[in-house]
C-alpha atoms as a PDB file:
ATOM      1  CA  MET A   1      21.523  28.986  23.586  1.00  0.00           C
ATOM      2  CA  THR A   2      19.210  26.045  24.249  1.00  0.00           C
ATOM      3  CA  LEU A   3      21.024  22.834  25.080  1.00  0.00           C
ATOM      4  CA  CYS A   4      19.849  19.807  23.122  1.00  0.00           C
ATOM      5  CA  THR A   5      19.332  16.414  24.699  1.00  0.00           C
ATOM      6  CA  PRO A   6      20.898  13.376  22.963  1.00  0.00           C
ATOM      7  CA  TYR A   7      18.659  11.744  20.378  1.00  0.00           C
ATOM      8  CA  GLN A   8      16.774   8.701  21.610  1.00  0.00           C
ATOM      9  CA  THR A   9      14.250   6.621  19.725  1.00  0.00           C
ATOM     10  CA  GLN A  10      10.811   7.201  21.190  1.00  0.00           C
ATOM     11  CA  GLN A  11       8.999   3.952  21.984  1.00  0.00           C
ATOM     12  CA  LEU A  12       5.271   3.784  21.523  1.00  0.00           C
ATOM     13  CA  ASP A  13       3.392   4.098  24.825  1.00  0.00           C
ATOM     14  CA  THR A  14       0.544   1.613  24.459  1.00  0.00           C
ATOM     15  CA  ASN A  15      -0.968   2.729  27.779  1.00  0.00           C
ATOM     16  CA  THR A  16      -1.867   6.125  26.348  1.00  0.00           C
ATOM     17  CA  LEU A  17      -2.452   4.953  22.778  1.00  0.00           C
ATOM     18  CA  PRO A  18      -6.262   4.508  23.061  1.00  0.00           C
ATOM     19  CA  GLU A  19      -6.555   8.106  24.235  1.00  0.00           C
ATOM     20  CA  VAL A  20      -4.289   9.279  21.411  1.00  0.00           C
ATOM     21  CA  MET A  21      -6.352   7.430  18.817  1.00  0.00           C
ATOM     22  CA  GLU A  22      -9.571   8.888  20.226  1.00  0.00           C
ATOM     23  CA  ARG A  23      -8.056  12.355  19.895  1.00  0.00           C
ATOM     24  CA  ILE A  24      -6.961  11.665  16.316  1.00  0.00           C
ATOM     25  CA  TYR A  25     -10.432  10.448  15.412  1.00  0.00           C
ATOM     26  CA  ARG A  26     -12.134  13.529  16.860  1.00  0.00           C
ATOM     27  CA  GLU A  27      -9.774  15.857  15.034  1.00  0.00           C
ATOM     28  CA  VAL A  28      -9.680  14.295  11.569  1.00  0.00           C
ATOM     29  CA  VAL A  29     -13.426  13.794  11.106  1.00  0.00           C
ATOM     30  CA  GLU A  30     -13.778  17.575  11.207  1.00  0.00           C
ATOM     31  CA  ASP A  31     -12.279  17.501   7.688  1.00  0.00           C
ATOM     32  CA  TYR A  32     -15.037  15.434   6.107  1.00  0.00           C
ATOM     33  CA  GLY A  33     -16.055  16.936   2.779  1.00  0.00           C
ATOM     34  CA  LYS A  34     -12.665  18.348   1.778  1.00  0.00           C
ATOM     35  CA  GLY A  35     -11.821  15.580  -0.695  1.00  0.00           C
ATOM     36  CA  LYS A  36     -13.677  13.371  -3.147  1.00  0.00           C
ATOM     37  CA  VAL A  37     -13.989   9.629  -3.646  1.00  0.00           C
ATOM     38  CA  ALA A  38     -12.468   7.837  -6.637  1.00  0.00           C
ATOM     39  CA  ASP A  39     -15.030   7.887  -9.412  1.00  0.00           C
ATOM     40  CA  TYR A  40     -13.500   6.068 -12.373  1.00  0.00           C
ATOM     41  CA  ILE A  41     -14.966   2.746 -11.176  1.00  0.00           C
ATOM     42  CA  PRO A  42     -18.713   2.960 -10.447  1.00  0.00           C
ATOM     43  CA  VAL A  43     -18.601   0.813  -7.308  1.00  0.00           C
ATOM     44  CA  LEU A  44     -15.932   3.055  -5.745  1.00  0.00           C
ATOM     45  CA  LYS A  45     -17.980   6.136  -6.547  1.00  0.00           C
ATOM     46  CA  GLU A  46     -20.865   4.699  -4.526  1.00  0.00           C
ATOM     47  CA  VAL A  47     -18.881   4.376  -1.270  1.00  0.00           C
ATOM     48  CA  ASN A  48     -20.058   6.580   1.604  1.00  0.00           C
ATOM     49  CA  PRO A  49     -17.305   9.214   1.819  1.00  0.00           C
ATOM     50  CA  ARG A  50     -17.840  10.071   5.484  1.00  0.00           C
ATOM     51  CA  GLN A  51     -16.047   7.115   6.977  1.00  0.00           C
ATOM     52  CA  PHE A  52     -12.776   6.803   8.863  1.00  0.00           C
ATOM     53  CA  GLY A  53     -11.073   3.779  10.362  1.00  0.00           C
ATOM     54  CA  MET A  54      -7.684   3.199  11.939  1.00  0.00           C
ATOM     55  CA  ALA A  55      -5.976   0.079  13.284  1.00  0.00           C
ATOM     56  CA  LEU A  56      -2.522  -0.287  14.812  1.00  0.00           C
ATOM     57  CA  ARG A  57      -0.691  -3.505  15.667  1.00  0.00           C
ATOM     58  CA  THR A  58       2.512  -3.593  17.705  1.00  0.00           C
ATOM     59  CA  ILE A  59       5.244  -6.125  17.003  1.00  0.00           C
ATOM     60  CA  ASP A  60       4.282  -7.729  20.332  1.00  0.00           C
ATOM     61  CA  GLY A  61       0.837  -8.486  18.935  1.00  0.00           C
ATOM     62  CA  GLU A  62      -1.201  -5.818  20.729  1.00  0.00           C
ATOM     63  CA  GLU A  63      -3.962  -4.332  18.608  1.00  0.00           C
ATOM     64  CA  PHE A  64      -5.798  -1.013  18.833  1.00  0.00           C
ATOM     65  CA  SER A  65      -8.517   0.311  16.551  1.00  0.00           C
ATOM     66  CA  ILE A  66     -11.061   3.081  16.211  1.00  0.00           C
ATOM     67  CA  GLY A  67     -13.837   4.139  13.849  1.00  0.00           C
ATOM     68  CA  GLN A  68     -14.697   1.900  10.902  1.00  0.00           C
ATOM     69  CA  ALA A  69     -11.538  -0.184  11.303  1.00  0.00           C
ATOM     70  CA  SER A  70     -13.409  -3.435  10.646  1.00  0.00           C
ATOM     71  CA  ALA A  71     -15.238  -2.188   7.537  1.00  0.00           C
ATOM     72  CA  PRO A  72     -13.978  -3.885   4.349  1.00  0.00           C
ATOM     73  CA  PHE A  73     -12.892  -1.733   1.420  1.00  0.00           C
ATOM     74  CA  SER A  74     -11.100  -2.119  -1.903  1.00  0.00           C
ATOM     75  CA  ILE A  75      -7.370  -1.961  -1.226  1.00  0.00           C
ATOM     76  CA  GLN A  76      -6.573  -0.998  -4.839  1.00  0.00           C
ATOM     77  CA  SER A  77      -2.866  -0.033  -5.136  1.00  0.00           C
ATOM     78  CA  ILE A  78      -2.013  -1.253  -1.644  1.00  0.00           C
ATOM     79  CA  SER A  79      -2.104  -4.641  -3.359  1.00  0.00           C
ATOM     80  CA  LYS A  80       1.072  -3.603  -5.208  1.00  0.00           C
ATOM     81  CA  LEU A  81       2.942  -3.852  -1.925  1.00  0.00           C
ATOM     82  CA  PHE A  82       1.877  -7.463  -1.397  1.00  0.00           C
ATOM     83  CA  ALA A  83       2.512  -8.360  -5.037  1.00  0.00           C
ATOM     84  CA  LEU A  84       6.062  -7.014  -4.671  1.00  0.00           C
ATOM     85  CA  MET A  85       6.571  -9.080  -1.527  1.00  0.00           C
ATOM     86  CA  LEU A  86       5.371 -12.189  -3.368  1.00  0.00           C
ATOM     87  CA  ALA A  87       7.446 -11.503  -6.480  1.00  0.00           C
ATOM     88  CA  LEU A  88      10.589 -11.118  -4.373  1.00  0.00           C
ATOM     89  CA  ASP A  89       9.740 -14.388  -2.666  1.00  0.00           C
ATOM     90  CA  ILE A  90       9.273 -16.125  -6.020  1.00  0.00           C
ATOM     91  CA  TYR A  91      11.965 -14.534  -8.167  1.00  0.00           C
ATOM     92  CA  GLY A  92      14.369 -12.802  -5.818  1.00  0.00           C
ATOM     93  CA  GLU A  93      16.580  -9.831  -6.605  1.00  0.00           C
ATOM     94  CA  GLU A  94      16.407 -10.498 -10.347  1.00  0.00           C
ATOM     95  CA  ILE A  95      13.113  -8.599 -10.482  1.00  0.00           C
ATOM     96  CA  TRP A  96      15.183  -5.393 -10.424  1.00  0.00           C
ATOM     97  CA  GLU A  97      16.407  -6.178 -13.924  1.00  0.00           C
ATOM     98  CA  ARG A  98      12.871  -5.368 -15.112  1.00  0.00           C
ATOM     99  CA  VAL A  99      11.739  -2.584 -12.780  1.00  0.00           C
ATOM    100  CA  GLY A 100      13.548   0.274 -11.068  1.00  0.00           C
ATOM    101  CA  ARG A 101      13.604   1.586  -7.506  1.00  0.00           C
ATOM    102  CA  GLU A 102      13.355   5.341  -8.042  1.00  0.00           C
ATOM    103  CA  PRO A 103      10.479   7.823  -7.572  1.00  0.00           C
ATOM    104  CA  SER A 104       8.768   8.636 -10.854  1.00  0.00           C
ATOM    105  CA  GLY A 105       7.803  12.264 -10.224  1.00  0.00           C
ATOM    106  CA  MET A 106       4.736  11.664 -12.390  1.00  0.00           C
ATOM    107  CA  ARG A 107       1.175  10.421 -12.072  1.00  0.00           C
ATOM    108  CA  PHE A 108       0.927   6.763 -11.135  1.00  0.00           C
ATOM    109  CA  ASN A 109      -0.648   5.862 -14.503  1.00  0.00           C
ATOM    110  CA  SER A 110       1.661   7.871 -16.756  1.00  0.00           C
ATOM    111  CA  LEU A 111       3.178   6.332 -19.905  1.00  0.00           C
ATOM    112  CA  LEU A 112       5.560   9.193 -20.621  1.00  0.00           C
ATOM    113  CA  LEU A 113       8.771   7.681 -19.263  1.00  0.00           C
ATOM    114  CA  LEU A 114       8.304   4.120 -20.481  1.00  0.00           C
ATOM    115  CA  GLU A 115       9.503   4.483 -24.059  1.00  0.00           C
ATOM    116  CA  SER A 116      12.327   6.906 -23.301  1.00  0.00           C
ATOM    117  CA  GLU A 117      13.636   4.602 -20.557  1.00  0.00           C
ATOM    118  CA  GLY A 118      13.511   1.407 -22.577  1.00  0.00           C
ATOM    119  CA  GLY A 119      10.388  -0.079 -21.066  1.00  0.00           C
ATOM    120  CA  ILE A 120      11.786  -0.248 -17.513  1.00  0.00           C
ATOM    121  CA  PRO A 121       9.262   1.344 -15.112  1.00  0.00           C
ATOM    122  CA  ARG A 122      10.708   3.636 -12.476  1.00  0.00           C
ATOM    123  CA  ASN A 123       9.414   1.582  -9.519  1.00  0.00           C
ATOM    124  CA  PRO A 124       7.040  -1.286  -8.698  1.00  0.00           C
ATOM    125  CA  PHE A 125       4.329   0.960  -7.223  1.00  0.00           C
ATOM    126  CA  ILE A 126       3.396   2.970 -10.293  1.00  0.00           C
ATOM    127  CA  ASN A 127       0.988   1.145 -12.595  1.00  0.00           C
ATOM    128  CA  ALA A 128       3.610   0.209 -15.185  1.00  0.00           C
ATOM    129  CA  GLY A 129       5.883  -1.271 -12.534  1.00  0.00           C
ATOM    130  CA  ALA A 130       3.037  -3.119 -10.851  1.00  0.00           C
ATOM    131  CA  ILE A 131       1.993  -4.622 -14.194  1.00  0.00           C
ATOM    132  CA  VAL A 132       5.541  -5.932 -14.658  1.00  0.00           C
ATOM    133  CA  ILE A 133       5.389  -7.440 -11.150  1.00  0.00           C
ATOM    134  CA  SER A 134       2.043  -9.068 -12.047  1.00  0.00           C
ATOM    135  CA  ASP A 135       3.705 -10.446 -15.182  1.00  0.00           C
ATOM    136  CA  ILE A 136       6.474 -12.013 -13.093  1.00  0.00           C
ATOM    137  CA  ILE A 137       3.927 -13.638 -10.777  1.00  0.00           C
ATOM    138  CA  ALA A 138       1.863 -14.810 -13.763  1.00  0.00           C
ATOM    139  CA  ALA A 139       4.902 -16.555 -15.249  1.00  0.00           C
ATOM    140  CA  TYR A 140       5.296 -18.699 -12.106  1.00  0.00           C
ATOM    141  CA  SER A 141       1.658 -19.311 -11.181  1.00  0.00           C
ATOM    142  CA  SER A 142      -1.159 -21.378 -12.657  1.00  0.00           C
ATOM    143  CA  ILE A 143      -3.763 -18.912 -11.319  1.00  0.00           C
ATOM    144  CA  PRO A 144      -1.753 -15.754 -10.539  1.00  0.00           C
ATOM    145  CA  ALA A 145      -4.532 -13.603  -9.042  1.00  0.00           C
ATOM    146  CA  LYS A 146      -5.525 -16.418  -6.694  1.00  0.00           C
ATOM    147  CA  ARG A 147      -1.901 -16.811  -5.652  1.00  0.00           C
ATOM    148  CA  ILE A 148      -1.733 -13.138  -4.652  1.00  0.00           C
ATOM    149  CA  GLN A 149      -5.100 -13.422  -2.897  1.00  0.00           C
ATOM    150  CA  ASP A 150      -3.995 -16.473  -0.917  1.00  0.00           C
ATOM    151  CA  PHE A 151      -0.662 -14.852  -0.082  1.00  0.00           C
ATOM    152  CA  ILE A 152      -2.440 -11.821   1.396  1.00  0.00           C
ATOM    153  CA  ALA A 153      -4.912 -14.004   3.284  1.00  0.00           C
ATOM    154  CA  GLY A 154      -1.972 -15.872   4.795  1.00  0.00           C
ATOM    155  CA  LEU A 155      -0.292 -12.662   5.934  1.00  0.00           C
ATOM    156  CA  SER A 156      -3.478 -11.331   7.539  1.00  0.00           C
ATOM    157  CA  ASN A 157      -4.615 -14.741   8.810  1.00  0.00           C
ATOM    158  CA  ASN A 158      -8.042 -14.014   7.346  1.00  0.00           C
ATOM    159  CA  PRO A 159      -9.321 -16.228   4.496  1.00  0.00           C
ATOM    160  CA  ASP A 160     -12.088 -13.688   3.849  1.00  0.00           C
ATOM    161  CA  ASN A 161      -9.604 -11.289   2.238  1.00  0.00           C
ATOM    162  CA  ARG A 162     -10.739 -12.101  -1.283  1.00  0.00           C
ATOM    163  CA  ILE A 163     -11.162 -10.550  -4.721  1.00  0.00           C
ATOM    164  CA  ASP A 164     -14.395  -8.587  -5.097  1.00  0.00           C
ATOM    165  CA  PRO A 165     -15.738  -9.677  -8.512  1.00  0.00           C
ATOM    166  CA  VAL A 166     -17.797  -6.518  -8.982  1.00  0.00           C
ATOM    167  CA  VAL A 167     -14.772  -4.275  -8.438  1.00  0.00           C
ATOM    168  CA  ALA A 168     -12.634  -6.536 -10.650  1.00  0.00           C
ATOM    169  CA  ALA A 169     -15.180  -6.248 -13.461  1.00  0.00           C
ATOM    170  CA  GLY A 170     -15.141  -2.465 -13.065  1.00  0.00           C
ATOM    171  CA  GLU A 171     -11.345  -2.413 -13.191  1.00  0.00           C
ATOM    172  CA  LYS A 172     -11.391  -4.329 -16.471  1.00  0.00           C
ATOM    173  CA  ALA A 173     -14.214  -2.291 -18.021  1.00  0.00           C
ATOM    174  CA  THR A 174     -12.460   1.017 -17.351  1.00  0.00           C
ATOM    175  CA  GLY A 175      -8.842  -0.121 -17.661  1.00  0.00           C
ATOM    176  CA  PHE A 176      -8.041   1.415 -21.039  1.00  0.00           C
ATOM    177  CA  LEU A 177      -4.910   3.237 -19.866  1.00  0.00           C
ATOM    178  CA  ASN A 178      -3.582   0.183 -18.041  1.00  0.00           C
ATOM    179  CA  THR A 179      -4.200  -1.850 -21.184  1.00  0.00           C
ATOM    180  CA  ALA A 180      -2.176   0.700 -23.144  1.00  0.00           C
ATOM    181  CA  ILE A 181       0.630   0.474 -20.575  1.00  0.00           C
ATOM    182  CA  ALA A 182       0.662  -3.319 -20.786  1.00  0.00           C
ATOM    183  CA  ASN A 183       0.775  -3.275 -24.593  1.00  0.00           C
ATOM    184  CA  LEU A 184       3.627  -0.753 -24.578  1.00  0.00           C
ATOM    185  CA  LEU A 185       5.523  -2.933 -22.100  1.00  0.00           C
ATOM    186  CA  LYS A 186       4.937  -5.900 -24.409  1.00  0.00           C
ATOM    187  CA  ALA A 187       6.210  -3.941 -27.406  1.00  0.00           C
ATOM    188  CA  LEU A 188       9.327  -3.005 -25.438  1.00  0.00           C
ATOM    189  CA  ASN A 189       9.954  -6.646 -24.439  1.00  0.00           C
ATOM    190  CA  ASN A 190       9.257  -6.201 -20.741  1.00  0.00           C
ATOM    191  CA  LEU A 191       6.072  -8.262 -20.624  1.00  0.00           C
ATOM    192  CA  HIS A 192       6.729 -11.978 -21.008  1.00  0.00           C
ATOM    193  CA  SER A 193       3.281 -13.457 -20.469  1.00  0.00           C
ATOM    194  CA  ASP A 194       0.180 -12.870 -22.552  1.00  0.00           C
ATOM    195  CA  VAL A 195      -1.094  -9.288 -22.116  1.00  0.00           C
ATOM    196  CA  ASP A 196      -4.621 -10.364 -21.181  1.00  0.00           C
ATOM    197  CA  ARG A 197      -3.354 -12.892 -18.638  1.00  0.00           C
ATOM    198  CA  THR A 198      -1.130 -10.312 -16.963  1.00  0.00           C
ATOM    199  CA  LEU A 199      -3.874  -7.686 -16.916  1.00  0.00           C
ATOM    200  CA  ASP A 200      -6.362 -10.171 -15.470  1.00  0.00           C
ATOM    201  CA  CYS A 201      -3.955 -10.703 -12.569  1.00  0.00           C
ATOM    202  CA  TYR A 202      -3.411  -6.958 -12.136  1.00  0.00           C
ATOM    203  CA  PHE A 203      -7.091  -5.992 -12.232  1.00  0.00           C
ATOM    204  CA  LYS A 204      -8.079  -8.723  -9.797  1.00  0.00           C
ATOM    205  CA  GLN A 205      -5.329  -8.014  -7.263  1.00  0.00           C
ATOM    206  CA  CYS A 206      -6.436  -4.362  -7.126  1.00  0.00           C
ATOM    207  CA  ALA A 207      -9.974  -5.566  -6.360  1.00  0.00           C
ATOM    208  CA  ILE A 208      -9.066  -7.431  -3.169  1.00  0.00           C
ATOM    209  CA  SER A 209     -11.153  -6.374  -0.173  1.00  0.00           C
ATOM    210  CA  MET A 210      -9.670  -5.943   3.318  1.00  0.00           C
ATOM    211  CA  ASN A 211     -10.167  -3.818   6.430  1.00  0.00           C
ATOM    212  CA  CYS A 212      -7.751  -1.792   8.528  1.00  0.00           C
ATOM    213  CA  ILE A 213      -7.266  -4.533  11.112  1.00  0.00           C
ATOM    214  CA  ASP A 214      -6.323  -7.085   8.462  1.00  0.00           C
ATOM    215  CA  LEU A 215      -3.988  -4.641   6.735  1.00  0.00           C
ATOM    216  CA  ALA A 216      -2.173  -3.870   9.997  1.00  0.00           C
ATOM    217  CA  ARG A 217      -1.754  -7.605  10.570  1.00  0.00           C
ATOM    218  CA  ALA A 218      -0.618  -8.288   7.010  1.00  0.00           C
ATOM    219  CA  THR A 219       2.137  -5.658   7.212  1.00  0.00           C
ATOM    220  CA  GLU A 220       3.370  -6.576  10.687  1.00  0.00           C
ATOM    221  CA  CYS A 221       6.293  -8.481   9.154  1.00  0.00           C
ATOM    222  CA  LEU A 222       7.601  -5.246   7.617  1.00  0.00           C
ATOM    223  CA  ALA A 223       7.756  -3.645  11.064  1.00  0.00           C
ATOM    224  CA  ASN A 224       9.304  -6.684  12.723  1.00  0.00           C
ATOM    225  CA  ARG A 225      12.347  -7.621  10.628  1.00  0.00           C
ATOM    226  CA  GLY A 226      10.373 -10.009   8.460  1.00  0.00           C
ATOM    227  CA  CYS A 227       8.656 -11.829  11.322  1.00  0.00           C
ATOM    228  CA  SER A 228       4.940 -12.080  12.026  1.00  0.00           C
ATOM    229  CA  ASN A 229       2.873 -13.521  14.847  1.00  0.00           C
ATOM    230  CA  PHE A 230       0.936 -15.430  12.182  1.00  0.00           C
ATOM    231  CA  ASN A 231       3.845 -16.677  10.076  1.00  0.00           C
ATOM    232  CA  SER A 232       7.468 -15.885   9.313  1.00  0.00           C
ATOM    233  CA  CYS A 233       8.346 -14.219   6.047  1.00  0.00           C
ATOM    234  CA  PHE A 234      11.133 -12.246   4.428  1.00  0.00           C
ATOM    235  CA  SER A 235      13.618 -12.805   7.237  1.00  0.00           C
ATOM    236  CA  ALA A 236      16.418 -13.483   4.740  1.00  0.00           C
ATOM    237  CA  ASN A 237      18.377 -10.969   2.659  1.00  0.00           C
ATOM    238  CA  ASN A 238      16.930  -7.948   4.471  1.00  0.00           C
ATOM    239  CA  THR A 239      13.888  -8.037   2.187  1.00  0.00           C
ATOM    240  CA  HIS A 240      11.787  -6.126   4.714  1.00  0.00           C
ATOM    241  CA  LYS A 241      14.394  -3.337   4.731  1.00  0.00           C
ATOM    242  CA  ARG A 242      14.380  -3.087   0.957  1.00  0.00           C
ATOM    243  CA  ILE A 243      10.588  -3.004   0.733  1.00  0.00           C
ATOM    244  CA  ASN A 244      10.343  -0.364   3.466  1.00  0.00           C
ATOM    245  CA  ALA A 245      12.870   1.775   1.600  1.00  0.00           C
ATOM    246  CA  ILE A 246      10.792   1.641  -1.587  1.00  0.00           C
ATOM    247  CA  MET A 247       7.639   2.440   0.374  1.00  0.00           C
ATOM    248  CA  LEU A 248       9.325   5.507   1.866  1.00  0.00           C
ATOM    249  CA  THR A 249      10.513   6.802  -1.500  1.00  0.00           C
ATOM    250  CA  CYS A 250       7.721   5.650  -3.828  1.00  0.00           C
ATOM    251  CA  GLY A 251       4.693   4.573  -1.803  1.00  0.00           C
ATOM    252  CA  LEU A 252       2.515   7.659  -2.308  1.00  0.00           C
ATOM    253  CA  TYR A 253       3.417   8.378  -5.923  1.00  0.00           C
ATOM    254  CA  ASP A 254       4.255  12.008  -6.673  1.00  0.00           C
ATOM    255  CA  ALA A 255       3.140  13.083  -3.194  1.00  0.00           C
ATOM    256  CA  VAL A 256       5.703  10.911  -1.447  1.00  0.00           C
ATOM    257  CA  GLY A 257       7.986  13.803  -0.492  1.00  0.00           C
ATOM    258  CA  ASN A 258       5.218  15.674   1.308  1.00  0.00           C
ATOM    259  CA  PHE A 259       4.161  12.497   3.081  1.00  0.00           C
ATOM    260  CA  ALA A 260       7.707  11.772   4.260  1.00  0.00           C
ATOM    261  CA  TYR A 261       8.019  15.377   5.425  1.00  0.00           C
ATOM    262  CA  HIS A 262       4.779  15.392   7.401  1.00  0.00           C
ATOM    263  CA  VAL A 263       4.478  11.751   8.529  1.00  0.00           C
ATOM    264  CA  GLY A 264       7.916  10.173   8.308  1.00  0.00           C
ATOM    265  CA  LEU A 265       6.972   6.509   7.886  1.00  0.00           C
ATOM    266  CA  PRO A 266       7.304   4.036   4.998  1.00  0.00           C
ATOM    267  CA  ALA A 267       3.798   3.712   3.562  1.00  0.00           C
ATOM    268  CA  LYS A 268       1.668   2.563   0.640  1.00  0.00           C
ATOM    269  CA  SER A 269      -1.636   4.083  -0.424  1.00  0.00           C
ATOM    270  CA  GLY A 270      -4.549   3.139  -2.664  1.00  0.00           C
ATOM    271  CA  VAL A 271      -7.352   5.077  -4.340  1.00  0.00           C
ATOM    272  CA  GLY A 272      -9.858   3.076  -2.306  1.00  0.00           C
ATOM    273  CA  GLY A 273      -8.875   5.407   0.548  1.00  0.00           C
ATOM    274  CA  GLY A 274      -6.530   3.109   2.435  1.00  0.00           C
ATOM    275  CA  ILE A 275      -2.954   3.716   3.571  1.00  0.00           C
ATOM    276  CA  VAL A 276      -0.676   1.242   5.357  1.00  0.00           C
ATOM    277  CA  ALA A 277       2.462   2.403   7.159  1.00  0.00           C
ATOM    278  CA  VAL A 278       5.118   0.868   9.374  1.00  0.00           C
ATOM    279  CA  ALA A 279       7.306   2.129  12.186  1.00  0.00           C
ATOM    280  CA  PRO A 280      10.182  -0.369  12.043  1.00  0.00           C
ATOM    281  CA  GLY A 281      10.729  -2.120  15.342  1.00  0.00           C
ATOM    282  CA  GLN A 282       7.448  -0.827  16.742  1.00  0.00           C
ATOM    283  CA  TYR A 283       4.185  -1.168  14.845  1.00  0.00           C
ATOM    284  CA  SER A 284       2.220  -1.392  11.632  1.00  0.00           C
ATOM    285  CA  VAL A 285      -0.800   0.836  11.106  1.00  0.00           C
ATOM    286  CA  ALA A 286      -3.600   1.081   8.575  1.00  0.00           C
ATOM    287  CA  VAL A 287      -6.011   3.944   7.996  1.00  0.00           C
ATOM    288  CA  TRP A 288      -8.984   4.250   5.703  1.00  0.00           C
ATOM    289  CA  SER A 289     -11.160   7.136   4.601  1.00  0.00           C
ATOM    290  CA  PRO A 290     -12.517   7.277   1.029  1.00  0.00           C
ATOM    291  CA  GLU A 291     -12.133  11.011   0.358  1.00  0.00           C
ATOM    292  CA  LEU A 292      -8.976  11.608  -1.676  1.00  0.00           C
ATOM    293  CA  ASP A 293      -6.736  14.569  -2.432  1.00  0.00           C
ATOM    294  CA  ASP A 294      -5.599  15.551  -5.930  1.00  0.00           C
ATOM    295  CA  TYR A 295      -2.846  12.916  -5.863  1.00  0.00           C
ATOM    296  CA  GLY A 296      -5.231  10.041  -5.145  1.00  0.00           C
ATOM    297  CA  ASN A 297      -4.328   9.632  -1.472  1.00  0.00           C
ATOM    298  CA  SER A 298      -6.731   9.632   1.473  1.00  0.00           C
ATOM    299  CA  LEU A 299      -7.024  13.116   2.969  1.00  0.00           C
ATOM    300  CA  LEU A 300      -8.078  12.009   6.440  1.00  0.00           C
ATOM    301  CA  GLY A 301      -5.716   9.041   6.340  1.00  0.00           C
ATOM    302  CA  GLN A 302      -2.696  11.262   5.784  1.00  0.00           C
ATOM    303  CA  ALA A 303      -3.820  13.667   8.502  1.00  0.00           C
ATOM    304  CA  ALA A 304      -4.331  10.812  10.959  1.00  0.00           C
ATOM    305  CA  LEU A 305      -0.874   9.386  10.340  1.00  0.00           C
ATOM    306  CA  GLU A 306       0.750  12.798  10.698  1.00  0.00           C
ATOM    307  CA  LYS A 307      -0.997  13.245  14.033  1.00  0.00           C
ATOM    308  CA  LEU A 308      -0.034   9.729  15.121  1.00  0.00           C
ATOM    309  CA  THR A 309       3.695  10.226  14.558  1.00  0.00           C
ATOM    310  CA  SER A 310       3.562  13.727  16.041  1.00  0.00           C
ATOM    311  CA  TYR A 311       1.640  12.779  19.187  1.00  0.00           C
ATOM    312  CA  THR A 312       3.643   9.596  19.800  1.00  0.00           C
ATOM    313  CA  GLN A 313       6.978  10.850  18.396  1.00  0.00           C
ATOM    314  CA  THR A 314       7.447   7.634  16.447  1.00  0.00           C
ATOM    315  CA  SER A 315       8.542   8.949  13.051  1.00  0.00           C
ATOM    316  CA  VAL A 316      11.592   7.210  11.620  1.00  0.00           C
ATOM    317  CA  PHE A 317      13.352  10.594  11.528  1.00  0.00           C
END
């Protein structure tokens, strides 16, 4: 019988991290061509698929990056994470009266559960839940999309993290299903603002452009008990813990179980090819590669994060 050693949390070795990230880069780029870019918005379809970037920021403020980590891209549904953070800051725990905290088990843009469950979306990361969160922000903001944009820019300490008007126009022009979701929410009394106003906020927040370095900085507070080297946020009421829990259980839609199994970090993805993840007490990390799997998550991004937690033994499990 093999004797087991007592469990100890593995701390990230920043001395070897550059070498680890180089290894990850070499290995994942061999999988170029195995996925496909999002094509429902023309500007996303035009993105060069053979790109990969990765940035990691420790809670001590050390930063490491590789590949196209400084290349801006459309964060898409990663914006739902920041909108949730803002809504909790504005409205507090009462937001959970209008949106749930459970995995949906369905596509992120599905309408199937809304009517049967009384207009309460399963969680704030599927489209229906994110539209409700946008509605909450819209009710307390004169220009809701700008408020989300400025909130993100404050977290990343980069005022250039702005809404891309071309992407926003594409979101609106192709947003028929999201419009249907918003109207159903309105019919079921879970949309309090005007439908067009709420959708304008939702479409524009999804069109915010960032890079991996900025995303790692913006999510540092979730790895560091609500604190950031740029500003302090969410230190009260264990908000960071609650958000991390929802990321772990809902952050990659109906592929979240596989991601937890292989990677073991709270994370949030977007169809622009980005994924942000946090190792509580250690680091935040962002990856980007536009080629997606069938669930709408970055193929190379998932592989890179699995390799990161395996090589550094920094999974939360």
